[in-house]
C-alpha atoms as a PDB file:
ATOM      1  CA  MET A   1     122.089  87.468 112.021  1.00  0.00           C
ATOM      2  CA  GLU A   2     123.679  87.633 108.606  1.00  0.00           C
ATOM      3  CA  GLU A   3     122.379  87.176 105.176  1.00  0.00           C
ATOM      4  CA  LYS A   4     121.751  83.458 104.361  1.00  0.00           C
ATOM      5  CA  ILE A   5     122.203  81.891 100.912  1.00  0.00           C
ATOM      6  CA  LEU A   6     121.013  78.321 100.117  1.00  0.00           C
ATOM      7  CA  ASN A   7     122.187  76.523  97.034  1.00  0.00           C
ATOM      8  CA  LEU A   8     119.679  73.829  96.084  1.00  0.00           C
ATOM      9  CA  ILE A   9     118.518  71.715  93.149  1.00  0.00           C
ATOM     10  CA  THR A  10     114.946  71.589  91.937  1.00  0.00           C
ATOM     11  CA  ASP A  11     113.003  68.422  92.860  1.00  0.00           C
ATOM     12  CA  GLY A  12     109.909  68.899  90.542  1.00  0.00           C
ATOM     13  CA  ARG A  13     107.763  70.489  93.218  1.00  0.00           C
ATOM     14  CA  ARG A  14     106.297  74.025  93.325  1.00  0.00           C
ATOM     15  CA  LEU A  15     109.171  76.382  94.271  1.00  0.00           C
ATOM     16  CA  ASP A  16     107.334  77.904  97.316  1.00  0.00           C
ATOM     17  CA  VAL A  17     106.654  74.363  98.632  1.00  0.00           C
ATOM     18  CA  GLN A  18     110.282  73.293  98.199  1.00  0.00           C
ATOM     19  CA  LEU A  19     111.856  76.478  99.535  1.00  0.00           C
ATOM     20  CA  SER A  20     109.486  76.420 102.516  1.00  0.00           C
ATOM     21  CA  GLU A  21     110.675  72.852 103.437  1.00  0.00           C
ATOM     22  CA  GLU A  22     114.307  73.117 102.614  1.00  0.00           C
ATOM     23  CA  ALA A  23     114.813  76.701 104.214  1.00  0.00           C
ATOM     24  CA  GLY A  24     112.461  75.944 107.234  1.00  0.00           C
ATOM     25  CA  ILE A  25     110.210  78.920 106.462  1.00  0.00           C
ATOM     26  CA  SER A  26     106.523  79.287 105.817  1.00  0.00           C
ATOM     27  CA  ARG A  27     105.262  79.043 102.276  1.00  0.00           C
ATOM     28  CA  SER A  28     104.068  82.580 102.438  1.00  0.00           C
ATOM     29  CA  ARG A  29     107.440  83.845 103.579  1.00  0.00           C
ATOM     30  CA  ALA A  30     108.970  81.868 100.689  1.00  0.00           C
ATOM     31  CA  ALA A  31     106.579  83.437  98.240  1.00  0.00           C
ATOM     32  CA  ALA A  32     107.436  86.857  99.610  1.00  0.00           C
ATOM     33  CA  LEU A  33     111.207  86.298  99.249  1.00  0.00           C
ATOM     34  CA  MET A  34     110.625  85.289  95.632  1.00  0.00           C
ATOM     35  CA  GLU A  35     108.511  88.200  94.826  1.00  0.00           C
ATOM     36  CA  ASP A  36     111.246  90.576  96.326  1.00  0.00           C
ATOM     37  CA  GLY A  37     113.755  89.030  93.820  1.00  0.00           C
ATOM     38  CA  ASN A  38     115.523  86.826  96.317  1.00  0.00           C
ATOM     39  CA  CYS A  39     115.289  83.571  94.106  1.00  0.00           C
ATOM     40  CA  LEU A  40     117.410  82.547  91.132  1.00  0.00           C
ATOM     41  CA  LEU A  41     116.235  79.594  88.999  1.00  0.00           C
ATOM     42  CA  ASP A  42     118.912  78.437  86.638  1.00  0.00           C
ATOM     43  CA  GLY A  43     120.674  81.708  87.116  1.00  0.00           C
ATOM     44  CA  LYS A  44     117.736  83.880  86.399  1.00  0.00           C
ATOM     45  CA  PRO A  45     115.368  85.676  88.822  1.00  0.00           C
ATOM     46  CA  CYS A  46     112.109  83.742  89.581  1.00  0.00           C
ATOM     47  CA  THR A  47     109.377  85.658  91.251  1.00  0.00           C
ATOM     48  CA  LYS A  48     106.292  83.366  90.863  1.00  0.00           C
ATOM     49  CA  ALA A  49     105.669  81.108  93.859  1.00  0.00           C
ATOM     50  CA  GLY A  50     103.651  78.637  91.743  1.00  0.00           C
ATOM     51  CA  THR A  51     106.537  77.977  89.355  1.00  0.00           C
ATOM     52  CA  LYS A  52     107.075  74.173  89.032  1.00  0.00           C
ATOM     53  CA  PRO A  53     110.338  73.633  87.156  1.00  0.00           C
ATOM     54  CA  ALA A  54     111.664  70.172  86.008  1.00  0.00           C
ATOM     55  CA  PRO A  55     113.962  68.463  88.572  1.00  0.00           C
ATOM     56  CA  GLY A  56     117.647  68.982  88.532  1.00  0.00           C
ATOM     57  CA  LYS A  57     117.824  72.782  87.849  1.00  0.00           C
ATOM     58  CA  PRO A  58     120.086  74.946  90.013  1.00  0.00           C
ATOM     59  CA  LEU A  59     118.047  77.091  92.545  1.00  0.00           C
ATOM     60  CA  VAL A  60     119.481  79.708  94.813  1.00  0.00           C
ATOM     61  CA  LEU A  61     117.535  81.430  97.657  1.00  0.00           C
ATOM     62  CA  THR A  62     118.824  84.420  99.471  1.00  0.00           C
ATOM     63  CA  ILE A  63     117.358  85.142 102.858  1.00  0.00           C
ATOM     64  CA  PRO A  64     118.278  88.806 103.762  1.00  0.00           C
ATOM     65  CA  ALA A  65     119.529  89.672 107.194  1.00  0.00           C
ATOM     66  CA  PRO A  66     116.640  90.920 109.371  1.00  0.00           C
ATOM     67  CA  LYS A  67     116.374  94.723 109.485  1.00  0.00           C
ATOM     68  CA  ASP A  68     116.716  96.685 112.670  1.00  0.00           C
ATOM     69  CA  PRO A  69     113.092  97.115 114.084  1.00  0.00           C
ATOM     70  CA  THR A  70     114.029 100.489 115.394  1.00  0.00           C
ATOM     71  CA  PRO A  71     112.619 103.171 113.018  1.00  0.00           C
ATOM     72  CA  GLN A  72     115.285 105.089 111.361  1.00  0.00           C
ATOM     73  CA  ALA A  73     115.417 108.828 110.519  1.00  0.00           C
ATOM     74  CA  GLU A  74     114.884 109.575 106.823  1.00  0.00           C
ATOM     75  CA  ASP A  75     115.343 112.732 104.830  1.00  0.00           C
ATOM     76  CA  ILE A  76     111.759 112.964 103.625  1.00  0.00           C
ATOM     77  CA  PRO A  77     110.279 116.319 103.005  1.00  0.00           C
ATOM     78  CA  LEU A  78     107.443 117.035 105.509  1.00  0.00           C
ATOM     79  CA  GLU A  79     105.295 120.170 105.975  1.00  0.00           C
ATOM     80  CA  ILE A  80     105.449 121.187 109.617  1.00  0.00           C
ATOM     81  CA  LEU A  81     102.707 123.603 110.575  1.00  0.00           C
ATOM     82  CA  TYR A  82     103.857 124.010 114.154  1.00  0.00           C
ATOM     83  CA  GLU A  83     106.512 122.722 116.471  1.00  0.00           C
ATOM     84  CA  ASP A  84     107.751 123.444 119.957  1.00  0.00           C
ATOM     85  CA  GLY A  85     109.541 121.334 122.706  1.00  0.00           C
ATOM     86  CA  ASP A  86     106.444 119.373 123.490  1.00  0.00           C
ATOM     87  CA  LEU A  87     104.562 118.609 120.080  1.00  0.00           C
ATOM     88  CA  ALA A  88     104.434 119.143 116.670  1.00  0.00           C
ATOM     89  CA  VAL A  89     101.677 119.554 114.113  1.00  0.00           C
ATOM     90  CA  VAL A  90     102.404 118.249 110.507  1.00  0.00           C
ATOM     91  CA  VAL A  91     100.622 117.520 107.222  1.00  0.00           C
ATOM     92  CA  LYS A  92     100.667 113.853 106.275  1.00  0.00           C
ATOM     93  CA  PRO A  93     100.771 113.275 102.413  1.00  0.00           C
ATOM     94  CA  ARG A  94      98.458 110.943 100.780  1.00  0.00           C
ATOM     95  CA  GLY A  95      99.924 107.549 100.284  1.00  0.00           C
ATOM     96  CA  MET A  96     102.276 107.681 103.317  1.00  0.00           C
ATOM     97  CA  VAL A  97     101.879 104.973 106.024  1.00  0.00           C
ATOM     98  CA  VAL A  98     101.907 106.507 109.473  1.00  0.00           C
ATOM     99  CA  HIS A  99     103.953 103.834 111.445  1.00  0.00           C
ATOM    100  CA  PRO A 100     106.487 101.277 110.383  1.00  0.00           C
ATOM    101  CA  ALA A 101     104.961  97.684 110.119  1.00  0.00           C
ATOM    102  CA  ALA A 102     105.406  94.556 108.138  1.00  0.00           C
ATOM    103  CA  GLY A 103     105.892  95.589 104.514  1.00  0.00           C
ATOM    104  CA  HIS A 104     106.368  99.175 105.403  1.00  0.00           C
ATOM    105  CA  SER A 105     109.577  99.495 107.394  1.00  0.00           C
ATOM    106  CA  GLU A 106     110.666 102.677 105.491  1.00  0.00           C
ATOM    107  CA  GLY A 107     109.329 105.937 104.077  1.00  0.00           C
ATOM    108  CA  THR A 108     106.661 106.084 106.864  1.00  0.00           C
ATOM    109  CA  LEU A 109     105.479 109.273 108.700  1.00  0.00           C
ATOM    110  CA  VAL A 110     107.529 108.093 111.723  1.00  0.00           C
ATOM    111  CA  ASN A 111     110.718 107.826 109.671  1.00  0.00           C
ATOM    112  CA  ALA A 112     109.985 111.365 108.260  1.00  0.00           C
ATOM    113  CA  LEU A 113     109.419 112.787 111.744  1.00  0.00           C
ATOM    114  CA  LEU A 114     112.654 111.412 113.009  1.00  0.00           C
ATOM    115  CA  GLY A 115     114.399 113.128 110.196  1.00  0.00           C
ATOM    116  CA  ASN A 116     112.571 116.484 110.612  1.00  0.00           C
ATOM    117  CA  LEU A 117     111.830 117.182 114.111  1.00  0.00           C
ATOM    118  CA  ASP A 118     114.115 119.043 116.654  1.00  0.00           C
ATOM    119  CA  GLU A 119     114.506 118.384 120.314  1.00  0.00           C
ATOM    120  CA  LEU A 120     112.924 114.931 120.257  1.00  0.00           C
ATOM    121  CA  SER A 121     113.375 113.536 123.671  1.00  0.00           C
ATOM    122  CA  GLY A 122     111.308 110.453 122.784  1.00  0.00           C
ATOM    123  CA  ILE A 123     108.569 108.257 124.102  1.00  0.00           C
ATOM    124  CA  GLY A 124     109.163 105.284 126.458  1.00  0.00           C
ATOM    125  CA  GLY A 125     112.946 105.827 126.711  1.00  0.00           C
ATOM    126  CA  GLU A 126     113.403 105.667 122.925  1.00  0.00           C
ATOM    127  CA  LYS A 127     113.958 108.643 120.588  1.00  0.00           C
ATOM    128  CA  ARG A 128     110.814 108.444 118.591  1.00  0.00           C
ATOM    129  CA  PRO A 129     107.672 110.495 118.195  1.00  0.00           C
ATOM    130  CA  GLY A 130     104.437 109.759 119.932  1.00  0.00           C
ATOM    131  CA  ILE A 131     101.631 108.977 117.401  1.00  0.00           C
ATOM    132  CA  VAL A 132      98.442 110.172 119.216  1.00  0.00           C
ATOM    133  CA  HIS A 133      95.985 109.613 116.445  1.00  0.00           C
ATOM    134  CA  ARG A 134      96.316 108.061 112.777  1.00  0.00           C
ATOM    135  CA  LEU A 135      95.190 108.695 109.391  1.00  0.00           C
ATOM    136  CA  ASP A 136      94.678 105.923 106.680  1.00  0.00           C
ATOM    137  CA  LYS A 137      97.426 105.546 104.137  1.00  0.00           C
ATOM    138  CA  ASP A 138      95.298 107.100 101.527  1.00  0.00           C
ATOM    139  CA  THR A 139      94.017 110.063 103.598  1.00  0.00           C
ATOM    140  CA  SER A 140      95.980 113.330 103.669  1.00  0.00           C
ATOM    141  CA  GLY A 141      95.864 115.990 106.193  1.00  0.00           C
ATOM    142  CA  VAL A 142      96.798 117.464 109.526  1.00  0.00           C
ATOM    143  CA  MET A 143      98.112 115.339 112.387  1.00  0.00           C
ATOM    144  CA  MET A 144      99.707 115.995 115.807  1.00  0.00           C
ATOM    145  CA  VAL A 145     102.535 114.115 117.356  1.00  0.00           C
ATOM    146  CA  ALA A 146     103.996 114.218 120.871  1.00  0.00           C
ATOM    147  CA  LYS A 147     107.702 114.650 121.529  1.00  0.00           C
ATOM    148  CA  ASN A 148     107.805 113.311 125.108  1.00  0.00           C
ATOM    149  CA  ASP A 149     105.963 110.949 127.448  1.00  0.00           C
ATOM    150  CA  ASP A 150     104.044 113.616 129.382  1.00  0.00           C
ATOM    151  CA  THR A 151     102.698 115.283 126.299  1.00  0.00           C
ATOM    152  CA  GLN A 152     101.667 111.923 124.753  1.00  0.00           C
ATOM    153  CA  THR A 153      99.920 110.962 127.928  1.00  0.00           C
ATOM    154  CA  GLU A 154      97.892 114.321 128.052  1.00  0.00           C
ATOM    155  CA  LEU A 155      97.077 114.413 124.370  1.00  0.00           C
ATOM    156  CA  SER A 156      95.762 110.848 124.475  1.00  0.00           C
ATOM    157  CA  ARG A 157      93.629 111.696 127.454  1.00  0.00           C
ATOM    158  CA  MET A 158      92.285 114.791 125.612  1.00  0.00           C
ATOM    159  CA  LEU A 159      91.461 112.658 122.592  1.00  0.00           C
ATOM    160  CA  LYS A 160      89.673 110.031 124.673  1.00  0.00           C
ATOM    161  CA  ASP A 161      87.718 112.826 126.595  1.00  0.00           C
ATOM    162  CA  ARG A 162      86.768 114.430 123.160  1.00  0.00           C
ATOM    163  CA  GLU A 163      88.583 117.642 123.937  1.00  0.00           C
ATOM    164  CA  ILE A 164      90.324 117.479 120.522  1.00  0.00           C
ATOM    165  CA  GLU A 165      88.335 118.685 117.528  1.00  0.00           C
ATOM    166  CA  LYS A 166      88.895 116.976 114.144  1.00  0.00           C
ATOM    167  CA  HIS A 167      87.260 118.236 110.957  1.00  0.00           C
ATOM    168  CA  TYR A 168      87.672 116.464 107.543  1.00  0.00           C
ATOM    169  CA  LEU A 169      86.508 117.333 104.032  1.00  0.00           C
ATOM    170  CA  ALA A 170      84.914 114.414 102.256  1.00  0.00           C
ATOM    171  CA  LEU A 171      83.343 114.319  98.774  1.00  0.00           C
ATOM    172  CA  VAL A 172      80.709 111.684  98.847  1.00  0.00           C
ATOM    173  CA  GLU A 173      78.454 110.148  96.192  1.00  0.00           C
ATOM    174  CA  GLY A 174      75.047 111.559  95.389  1.00  0.00           C
ATOM    175  CA  PHE A 175      72.924 114.261  97.188  1.00  0.00           C
ATOM    176  CA  LEU A 176      71.847 113.798 100.838  1.00  0.00           C
ATOM    177  CA  LYS A 177      68.326 114.442 101.935  1.00  0.00           C
ATOM    178  CA  GLU A 178      69.184 116.552 104.773  1.00  0.00           C
ATOM    179  CA  LYS A 179      71.927 119.413 104.928  1.00  0.00           C
ATOM    180  CA  SER A 180      73.427 118.033 108.217  1.00  0.00           C
ATOM    181  CA  GLY A 181      73.204 115.084 110.413  1.00  0.00           C
ATOM    182  CA  VAL A 182      74.811 112.622 112.898  1.00  0.00           C
ATOM    183  CA  VAL A 183      75.757 108.896 112.498  1.00  0.00           C
ATOM    184  CA  GLU A 184      75.691 106.996 115.714  1.00  0.00           C
ATOM    185  CA  ALA A 185      76.633 103.382 114.664  1.00  0.00           C
ATOM    186  CA  PRO A 186      79.178 101.034 116.222  1.00  0.00           C
ATOM    187  CA  ILE A 187      82.069  99.861 114.081  1.00  0.00           C
ATOM    188  CA  GLY A 188      83.917  96.508 114.122  1.00  0.00           C
ATOM    189  CA  ARG A 189      85.892  94.216 111.935  1.00  0.00           C
ATOM    190  CA  SER A 190      83.751  93.010 109.010  1.00  0.00           C
ATOM    191  CA  LYS A 191      82.756  89.326 109.321  1.00  0.00           C
ATOM    192  CA  LYS A 192      82.653  88.986 105.608  1.00  0.00           C
ATOM    193  CA  ASP A 193      85.945  90.636 104.640  1.00  0.00           C
ATOM    194  CA  ARG A 194      88.767  91.021 107.374  1.00  0.00           C
ATOM    195  CA  LYS A 195      90.376  93.808 105.319  1.00  0.00           C
ATOM    196  CA  LYS A 196      87.271  95.960 106.045  1.00  0.00           C
ATOM    197  CA  MET A 197      85.433  97.528 108.888  1.00  0.00           C
ATOM    198  CA  ALA A 198      81.637  97.596 109.137  1.00  0.00           C
ATOM    199  CA  VAL A 199      78.829  98.810 111.173  1.00  0.00           C
ATOM    200  CA  ASP A 200      78.306  96.129 113.729  1.00  0.00           C
ATOM    201  CA  PRO A 201      76.049  96.202 116.770  1.00  0.00           C
ATOM    202  CA  GLU A 202      78.811  94.387 118.711  1.00  0.00           C
ATOM    203  CA  GLY A 203      81.510  96.884 117.579  1.00  0.00           C
ATOM    204  CA  ARG A 204      82.869  99.975 119.375  1.00  0.00           C
ATOM    205  CA  ASP A 205      80.840 103.132 119.614  1.00  0.00           C
ATOM    206  CA  ALA A 206      81.329 105.485 116.767  1.00  0.00           C
ATOM    207  CA  VAL A 207      79.953 108.952 116.219  1.00  0.00           C
ATOM    208  CA  THR A 208      80.248 111.072 113.105  1.00  0.00           C
ATOM    209  CA  GLU A 209      78.768 114.608 112.510  1.00  0.00           C
ATOM    210  CA  TRP A 210      78.528 115.888 108.878  1.00  0.00           C
ATOM    211  CA  LYS A 211      77.311 118.985 107.206  1.00  0.00           C
ATOM    212  CA  VAL A 212      76.836 119.646 103.362  1.00  0.00           C
ATOM    213  CA  ILE A 213      78.918 122.737 102.383  1.00  0.00           C
ATOM    214  CA  ALA A 214      78.790 122.292  98.511  1.00  0.00           C
ATOM    215  CA  GLU A 215      77.238 120.170  95.714  1.00  0.00           C
ATOM    216  CA  GLY A 216      78.492 119.114  92.342  1.00  0.00           C
ATOM    217  CA  LYS A 217      77.781 116.652  89.685  1.00  0.00           C
ATOM    218  CA  ASN A 218      75.974 113.819  91.449  1.00  0.00           C
ATOM    219  CA  CYS A 219      78.154 114.440  94.564  1.00  0.00           C
ATOM    220  CA  SER A 220      78.323 116.372  97.827  1.00  0.00           C
ATOM    221  CA  LEU A 221      81.170 118.023  99.711  1.00  0.00           C
ATOM    222  CA  LEU A 222      80.872 117.543 103.436  1.00  0.00           C
ATOM    223  CA  ASP A 223      82.545 118.957 106.544  1.00  0.00           C
ATOM    224  CA  VAL A 224      82.855 115.927 108.714  1.00  0.00           C
ATOM    225  CA  HIS A 225      83.481 116.138 112.429  1.00  0.00           C
ATOM    226  CA  ILE A 226      84.290 112.868 114.144  1.00  0.00           C
ATOM    227  CA  LEU A 227      83.808 112.486 117.881  1.00  0.00           C
ATOM    228  CA  THR A 228      85.361 109.115 118.064  1.00  0.00           C
ATOM    229  CA  GLY A 229      88.408 107.676 116.227  1.00  0.00           C
ATOM    230  CA  ARG A 230      87.577 104.288 114.858  1.00  0.00           C
ATOM    231  CA  THR A 231      89.531 102.645 111.961  1.00  0.00           C
ATOM    232  CA  HIS A 232      87.959 103.794 108.631  1.00  0.00           C
ATOM    233  CA  GLN A 233      85.168 105.527 110.627  1.00  0.00           C
ATOM    234  CA  ILE A 234      84.232 108.139 108.106  1.00  0.00           C
ATOM    235  CA  ARG A 235      84.517 105.723 105.132  1.00  0.00           C
ATOM    236  CA  VAL A 236      82.364 103.195 106.915  1.00  0.00           C
ATOM    237  CA  HIS A 237      79.763 105.655 108.091  1.00  0.00           C
ATOM    238  CA  MET A 238      79.373 107.287 104.657  1.00  0.00           C
ATOM    239  CA  ARG A 239      78.975 103.800 103.049  1.00  0.00           C
ATOM    240  CA  TYR A 240      76.395 103.067 105.813  1.00  0.00           C
ATOM    241  CA  LEU A 241      74.411 106.249 104.630  1.00  0.00           C
ATOM    242  CA  GLN A 242      74.735 104.875 101.181  1.00  0.00           C
ATOM    243  CA  HIS A 243      76.857 107.938 100.276  1.00  0.00           C
ATOM    244  CA  PRO A 244      80.303 106.442 100.134  1.00  0.00           C
ATOM    245  CA  VAL A 245      83.425 108.619  99.908  1.00  0.00           C
ATOM    246  CA  CYS A 246      84.325 109.095  96.109  1.00  0.00           C
ATOM    247  CA  GLY A 247      87.369 107.226  95.032  1.00  0.00           C
ATOM    248  CA  ASP A 248      87.238 104.773  97.887  1.00  0.00           C
ATOM    249  CA  PRO A 249      88.683 101.409  96.780  1.00  0.00           C
ATOM    250  CA  LEU A 250      87.266  99.571  99.857  1.00  0.00           C
ATOM    251  CA  TYR A 251      83.841 100.979 100.370  1.00  0.00           C
ATOM    252  CA  GLY A 252      83.064 102.943  97.273  1.00  0.00           C
ATOM    253  CA  TYR A 253      80.727 101.970  94.405  1.00  0.00           C
ATOM    254  CA  GLU A 254      82.330 100.154  91.604  1.00  0.00           C
ATOM    255  CA  LYS A 255      80.869 102.540  88.943  1.00  0.00           C
ATOM    256  CA  GLY A 256      80.620 105.651  90.937  1.00  0.00           C
ATOM    257  CA  VAL A 257      81.633 109.350  90.740  1.00  0.00           C
ATOM    258  CA  LYS A 258      85.101 109.480  89.162  1.00  0.00           C
ATOM    259  CA  ALA A 259      87.852 110.869  91.406  1.00  0.00           C
ATOM    260  CA  PRO A 260      91.647 110.843  91.088  1.00  0.00           C
ATOM    261  CA  CYS A 261      92.079 109.606  94.766  1.00  0.00           C
ATOM    262  CA  LEU A 262      90.238 108.826  97.908  1.00  0.00           C
ATOM    263  CA  MET A 263      88.465 112.227  98.457  1.00  0.00           C
ATOM    264  CA  LEU A 264      88.975 112.503 102.207  1.00  0.00           C
ATOM    265  CA  HIS A 265      91.247 115.041 103.724  1.00  0.00           C
ATOM    266  CA  ALA A 266      91.809 115.888 107.418  1.00  0.00           C
ATOM    267  CA  ARG A 267      91.475 119.554 107.123  1.00  0.00           C
ATOM    268  CA  SER A 268      91.597 121.064 110.597  1.00  0.00           C
ATOM    269  CA  LEU A 269      92.653 120.268 114.190  1.00  0.00           C
ATOM    270  CA  SER A 270      91.764 122.123 117.382  1.00  0.00           C
ATOM    271  CA  PHE A 271      93.078 121.606 120.878  1.00  0.00           C
ATOM    272  CA  GLN A 272      94.407 123.130 123.983  1.00  0.00           C
ATOM    273  CA  HIS A 273      98.122 123.006 124.338  1.00  0.00           C
ATOM    274  CA  PRO A 274      98.794 120.493 127.197  1.00  0.00           C
ATOM    275  CA  ARG A 275     101.417 122.554 128.868  1.00  0.00           C
ATOM    276  CA  THR A 276     100.542 126.217 128.055  1.00  0.00           C
ATOM    277  CA  HIS A 277      96.697 125.716 127.742  1.00  0.00           C
ATOM    278  CA  GLU A 278      96.756 127.861 124.803  1.00  0.00           C
ATOM    279  CA  LYS A 279      93.771 127.177 122.322  1.00  0.00           C
ATOM    280  CA  MET A 280      95.403 126.128 119.118  1.00  0.00           C
ATOM    281  CA  THR A 281      93.838 125.572 115.738  1.00  0.00           C
ATOM    282  CA  PHE A 282      95.637 124.297 112.513  1.00  0.00           C
ATOM    283  CA  GLN A 283      94.493 123.797 108.929  1.00  0.00           C
ATOM    284  CA  ALA A 284      96.107 121.636 106.257  1.00  0.00           C
ATOM    285  CA  PRO A 285      95.874 123.055 102.686  1.00  0.00           C
ATOM    286  CA  LEU A 286      94.095 120.979 100.215  1.00  0.00           C
ATOM    287  CA  PRO A 287      96.493 118.767  98.053  1.00  0.00           C
ATOM    288  CA  GLY A 288      96.458 118.988  94.266  1.00  0.00           C
ATOM    289  CA  ASP A 289      94.684 115.645  93.726  1.00  0.00           C
ATOM    290  CA  PHE A 290      91.910 116.683  95.993  1.00  0.00           C
ATOM    291  CA  LEU A 291      91.417 120.000  94.125  1.00  0.00           C
ATOM    292  CA  LYS A 292      91.433 118.189  90.849  1.00  0.00           C
ATOM    293  CA  GLY A 293      88.658 115.750  92.125  1.00  0.00           C
ATOM    294  CA  LEU A 294      86.550 118.760  93.073  1.00  0.00           C
ATOM    295  CA  LYS A 295      87.071 120.428  89.683  1.00  0.00           C
ATOM    296  CA  MET A 296      86.291 117.414  87.639  1.00  0.00           C
ATOM    297  CA  ASN A 297      83.098 116.942  89.499  1.00  0.00           C
ATOM    298  CA  CYS A 298      82.027 120.637  89.174  1.00  0.00           C
ATOM    299  CA  VAL A 299      82.309 121.373  93.024  1.00  0.00           C
ATOM    300  CA  GLU A 300      83.096 125.007  93.812  1.00  0.00           C
ATOM    301  CA  PHE A 301      84.914 125.366  97.101  1.00  0.00           C
ATOM    302  CA  THR A 302      87.154 128.192  98.233  1.00  0.00           C
ATOM    303  CA  GLU A 303      89.620 127.615 101.254  1.00  0.00           C
ATOM    304  CA  ASP A 304      89.352 130.002 104.176  1.00  0.00           C
END
């Protein structure tokens, strides 16, 4: 399907309403097209869906050709800690989405992997990496990916059977009463805000182990070991303990400890290689913004 251009005349209604009707698309789609600069009102870009011009003005809407849904390789720098014919272990930067989706078709970890990995035989008959586990967009750290179907199947089984050990560093609000503990609280989609997850008796089992390794100015640095992999698990469980992750825009306190970013980093990953059975451990160095957050909150921590 090629790009489509509609030449219209305003009729006095809101532009998103008129464009939706005349282009045969939803109002939200019309608004998104406007926001992306695809609408010209009287020869000038118009990005506000609620604009209600007088009748009789020239209106042009461009509907771009749909993009190829197949992820494309991109030349994006990526730190690769390990790679062989079966799998790779990489460091995901903060701010990078893992998998292409609506609104994030480019610049994702998958695009970067396609541009960086060698000997990628693919998953499910396609040349693409197998994402075994994910990290939130704003969480940095170590991740493993499969390069073929057999490896993805085995790594997924190992993850399900808790044979893969994942440790995070999390700077949280306040001081915890104990020096270590375990949170066993099921997590499900929040009934109050669909963008969030929440502890919910009807949710899926979630287990998080934590240990205090340093303290700063009204904050604590934790080593966090997750035994399950629920969406936003650490962030939800820390808020449940009333010690949310510093710098968390979703679950943090509005006037909490100041931090330059979400202070959550996937620090290490340990597992047995699915083919050679060799025990492997990898550690992702702390990014600069995380180190800055520690320093500004007087937390002393030295990497191993």
